[in-house]
Amino acid sequence: MRTPTQAIVGFAELAKLNSEYLNVDKRKGGFIVIIYRNSIRLHTLIKDVLDITRIESNTPILNKERFNILDIIYNSVKDISSHCNNINYMVNISLEESVDPSYVVADRARIYKSFQIC
């Protein structure tokens, strides 16, 4: 399932890059951006389905690493804030600079994904 979507994402990315360099008209360039964005969404959805299948079969693949959880929280709030600004909401976060890093050993991508709301 993943191989076909990887090809679609790759070709869409090439088309997007070429359209920027070749000064493709805005309408066609907009379509290319939509194709690229949705190919990424499709690829992510397929990865999620495969992850759920692995979890249900008790064979999840975890990429454990040591990282600062505060970075994940800060970046997640920035992403949410960016999304909320697009729909006329505002989100602010303030972390004191004196806060010590809080390191954890976990799968960074899965932790980050758990903070995403959309």
C-alpha atoms as a PDB file:
ATOM      1  CA  MET A   1       0.000   0.000   0.000  1.00  0.00           C
ATOM      2  CA  ARG A   2       2.781   2.407   0.830  1.00  0.00           C
ATOM      3  CA  THR A   3       4.842   2.000  -2.338  1.00  0.00           C
ATOM      4  CA  PRO A   4       2.209   3.442  -4.729  1.00  0.00           C
ATOM      5  CA  THR A   5       1.586   6.428  -2.467  1.00  0.00           C
ATOM      6  CA  GLN A   6       5.314   7.081  -2.159  1.00  0.00           C
ATOM      7  CA  ALA A   7       5.486   7.342  -5.946  1.00  0.00           C
ATOM      8  CA  ILE A   8       2.485   9.688  -6.005  1.00  0.00           C
ATOM      9  CA  VAL A   9       4.022  11.885  -3.298  1.00  0.00           C
ATOM     10  CA  GLY A  10       7.346  11.920  -5.156  1.00  0.00           C
ATOM     11  CA  PHE A  11       5.839  12.897  -8.502  1.00  0.00           C
ATOM     12  CA  ALA A  12       3.581  15.491  -6.859  1.00  0.00           C
ATOM     13  CA  GLU A  13       6.576  17.001  -5.092  1.00  0.00           C
ATOM     14  CA  LEU A  14       8.530  17.145  -8.366  1.00  0.00           C
ATOM     15  CA  ALA A  15       5.575  18.782 -10.104  1.00  0.00           C
ATOM     16  CA  LYS A  16       5.276  21.299  -7.267  1.00  0.00           C
ATOM     17  CA  LEU A  17       8.982  22.178  -7.383  1.00  0.00           C
ATOM     18  CA  ASN A  18       8.981  22.398 -11.191  1.00  0.00           C
ATOM     19  CA  SER A  19       5.873  24.577 -11.210  1.00  0.00           C
ATOM     20  CA  GLU A  20       7.609  27.039  -8.879  1.00  0.00           C
ATOM     21  CA  TYR A  21      10.716  27.218 -11.091  1.00  0.00           C
ATOM     22  CA  LEU A  22       8.859  27.263 -14.406  1.00  0.00           C
ATOM     23  CA  ASN A  23       6.441  30.014 -13.352  1.00  0.00           C
ATOM     24  CA  VAL A  24       3.336  27.921 -14.032  1.00  0.00           C
ATOM     25  CA  ASP A  25       0.173  30.049 -13.941  1.00  0.00           C
ATOM     26  CA  LYS A  26      -1.447  30.387 -10.504  1.00  0.00           C
ATOM     27  CA  ARG A  27      -4.479  28.224 -11.297  1.00  0.00           C
ATOM     28  CA  LYS A  28      -2.428  25.214 -12.446  1.00  0.00           C
ATOM     29  CA  GLY A  29       0.101  25.798  -9.681  1.00  0.00           C
ATOM     30  CA  GLY A  30      -2.735  25.788  -7.170  1.00  0.00           C
ATOM     31  CA  PHE A  31      -3.939  22.434  -8.463  1.00  0.00           C
ATOM     32  CA  ILE A  32      -0.436  21.022  -8.162  1.00  0.00           C
ATOM     33  CA  VAL A  33      -0.197  22.219  -4.552  1.00  0.00           C
ATOM     34  CA  ILE A  34      -3.578  20.609  -3.797  1.00  0.00           C
ATOM     35  CA  ILE A  35      -2.425  17.323  -5.349  1.00  0.00           C
ATOM     36  CA  TYR A  36       0.808  17.429  -3.334  1.00  0.00           C
ATOM     37  CA  ARG A  37      -0.906  18.300  -0.047  1.00  0.00           C
ATOM     38  CA  ASN A  38      -3.512  15.568  -0.461  1.00  0.00           C
ATOM     39  CA  SER A  39      -0.933  12.980  -1.520  1.00  0.00           C
ATOM     40  CA  ILE A  40       0.850  13.676   1.787  1.00  0.00           C
ATOM     41  CA  ARG A  41      -2.471  13.290   3.637  1.00  0.00           C
ATOM     42  CA  LEU A  42      -3.158   9.987   1.839  1.00  0.00           C
ATOM     43  CA  HIS A  43       0.333   8.709   2.636  1.00  0.00           C
ATOM     44  CA  THR A  44      -0.124   9.647   6.313  1.00  0.00           C
ATOM     45  CA  LEU A  45      -3.518   7.956   6.411  1.00  0.00           C
ATOM     46  CA  ILE A  46      -2.075   4.743   4.985  1.00  0.00           C
ATOM     47  CA  LYS A  47       0.762   4.836   7.527  1.00  0.00           C
ATOM     48  CA  ASP A  48      -1.833   5.278  10.295  1.00  0.00           C
ATOM     49  CA  VAL A  49      -3.849   2.285   9.047  1.00  0.00           C
ATOM     50  CA  LEU A  50      -0.688   0.170   8.969  1.00  0.00           C
ATOM     51  CA  ASP A  51       0.200   1.340  12.490  1.00  0.00           C
ATOM     52  CA  ILE A  52      -3.261   0.419  13.784  1.00  0.00           C
ATOM     53  CA  THR A  53      -2.912  -3.002  12.172  1.00  0.00           C
ATOM     54  CA  ARG A  54       0.456  -3.496  13.892  1.00  0.00           C
ATOM     55  CA  ILE A  55      -0.950  -2.370  17.240  1.00  0.00           C
ATOM     56  CA  GLU A  56      -3.919  -4.736  16.929  1.00  0.00           C
ATOM     57  CA  SER A  57      -1.573  -7.623  16.142  1.00  0.00           C
ATOM     58  CA  ASN A  58       0.738  -6.688  19.060  1.00  0.00           C
ATOM     59  CA  THR A  59       3.654  -5.952  16.727  1.00  0.00           C
ATOM     60  CA  PRO A  60       4.045  -2.163  16.877  1.00  0.00           C
ATOM     61  CA  ILE A  61       7.314  -0.670  15.683  1.00  0.00           C
ATOM     62  CA  LEU A  62       8.646   1.920  18.113  1.00  0.00           C
ATOM     63  CA  ASN A  63      11.602   4.177  17.395  1.00  0.00           C
ATOM     64  CA  LYS A  64      12.726   5.028  20.898  1.00  0.00           C
ATOM     65  CA  GLU A  65      15.006   7.995  21.423  1.00  0.00           C
ATOM     66  CA  ARG A  66      15.846  10.478  24.153  1.00  0.00           C
ATOM     67  CA  PHE A  67      14.343  13.942  23.635  1.00  0.00           C
ATOM     68  CA  ASN A  68      13.021  16.956  25.501  1.00  0.00           C
ATOM     69  CA  ILE A  69       9.244  16.586  25.852  1.00  0.00           C
ATOM     70  CA  LEU A  70       8.906  20.358  26.293  1.00  0.00           C
ATOM     71  CA  ASP A  71      10.041  20.798  22.678  1.00  0.00           C
ATOM     72  CA  ILE A  72       7.206  18.536  21.540  1.00  0.00           C
ATOM     73  CA  ILE A  73       4.684  20.453  23.644  1.00  0.00           C
ATOM     74  CA  TYR A  74       5.939  23.842  22.415  1.00  0.00           C
ATOM     75  CA  ASN A  75       5.953  22.792  18.738  1.00  0.00           C
ATOM     76  CA  SER A  76       2.514  21.185  19.044  1.00  0.00           C
ATOM     77  CA  VAL A  77       1.054  24.368  20.477  1.00  0.00           C
ATOM     78  CA  LYS A  78       2.699  26.383  17.678  1.00  0.00           C
ATOM     79  CA  ASP A  79       1.093  24.059  15.114  1.00  0.00           C
ATOM     80  CA  ILE A  80      -2.293  24.288  16.805  1.00  0.00           C
ATOM     81  CA  SER A  81      -1.921  28.059  17.055  1.00  0.00           C
ATOM     82  CA  SER A  82      -1.143  28.279  13.348  1.00  0.00           C
ATOM     83  CA  HIS A  83      -4.230  26.223  12.543  1.00  0.00           C
ATOM     84  CA  CYS A  84      -6.397  28.266  14.907  1.00  0.00           C
ATOM     85  CA  ASN A  85      -5.215  31.543  13.360  1.00  0.00           C
ATOM     86  CA  ASN A  86      -6.592  30.263  10.059  1.00  0.00           C
ATOM     87  CA  ILE A  87     -10.035  29.922  11.645  1.00  0.00           C
ATOM     88  CA  ASN A  88      -9.931  33.158  13.662  1.00  0.00           C
ATOM     89  CA  TYR A  89      -8.921  31.745  17.048  1.00  0.00           C
ATOM     90  CA  MET A  90      -5.797  32.628  18.952  1.00  0.00           C
ATOM     91  CA  VAL A  91      -3.623  30.370  21.113  1.00  0.00           C
ATOM     92  CA  ASN A  92      -0.630  31.513  23.144  1.00  0.00           C
ATOM     93  CA  ILE A  93       1.966  29.540  25.052  1.00  0.00           C
ATOM     94  CA  SER A  94       4.523  30.823  27.457  1.00  0.00           C
ATOM     95  CA  LEU A  95       7.318  28.642  28.772  1.00  0.00           C
ATOM     96  CA  GLU A  96       9.686  30.125  31.266  1.00  0.00           C
ATOM     97  CA  GLU A  97      13.223  30.064  30.012  1.00  0.00           C
ATOM     98  CA  SER A  98      14.330  28.791  33.397  1.00  0.00           C
ATOM     99  CA  VAL A  99      12.307  25.592  33.006  1.00  0.00           C
ATOM    100  CA  ASP A 100      14.716  22.685  32.956  1.00  0.00           C
ATOM    101  CA  PRO A 101      14.483  20.339  29.992  1.00  0.00           C
ATOM    102  CA  SER A 102      12.390  17.252  30.675  1.00  0.00           C
ATOM    103  CA  TYR A 103      13.961  14.376  28.830  1.00  0.00           C
ATOM    104  CA  VAL A 104      12.064  11.188  28.076  1.00  0.00           C
ATOM    105  CA  VAL A 105      12.841   8.031  26.132  1.00  0.00           C
ATOM    106  CA  ALA A 106       9.984   7.318  23.752  1.00  0.00           C
ATOM    107  CA  ASP A 107       8.924   7.294  20.118  1.00  0.00           C
ATOM    108  CA  ARG A 108       9.116  11.010  19.313  1.00  0.00           C
ATOM    109  CA  ALA A 109       6.863  10.827  16.245  1.00  0.00           C
ATOM    110  CA  ARG A 110       4.112   8.978  18.091  1.00  0.00           C
ATOM    111  CA  ILE A 111       4.258  11.339  21.059  1.00  0.00           C
ATOM    112  CA  TYR A 112       4.082  14.326  18.709  1.00  0.00           C
ATOM    113  CA  LYS A 113       1.163  12.748  16.864  1.00  0.00           C
ATOM    114  CA  SER A 114      -0.717  12.275  20.140  1.00  0.00           C
ATOM    115  CA  PHE A 115      -0.631  16.070  20.626  1.00  0.00           C
ATOM    116  CA  GLN A 116      -2.077  16.779  17.174  1.00  0.00           C
ATOM    117  CA  ILE A 117      -5.769  17.601  16.991  1.00  0.00           C
ATOM    118  CA  CYS A 118      -6.357  17.478  13.253  1.00  0.00           C
END
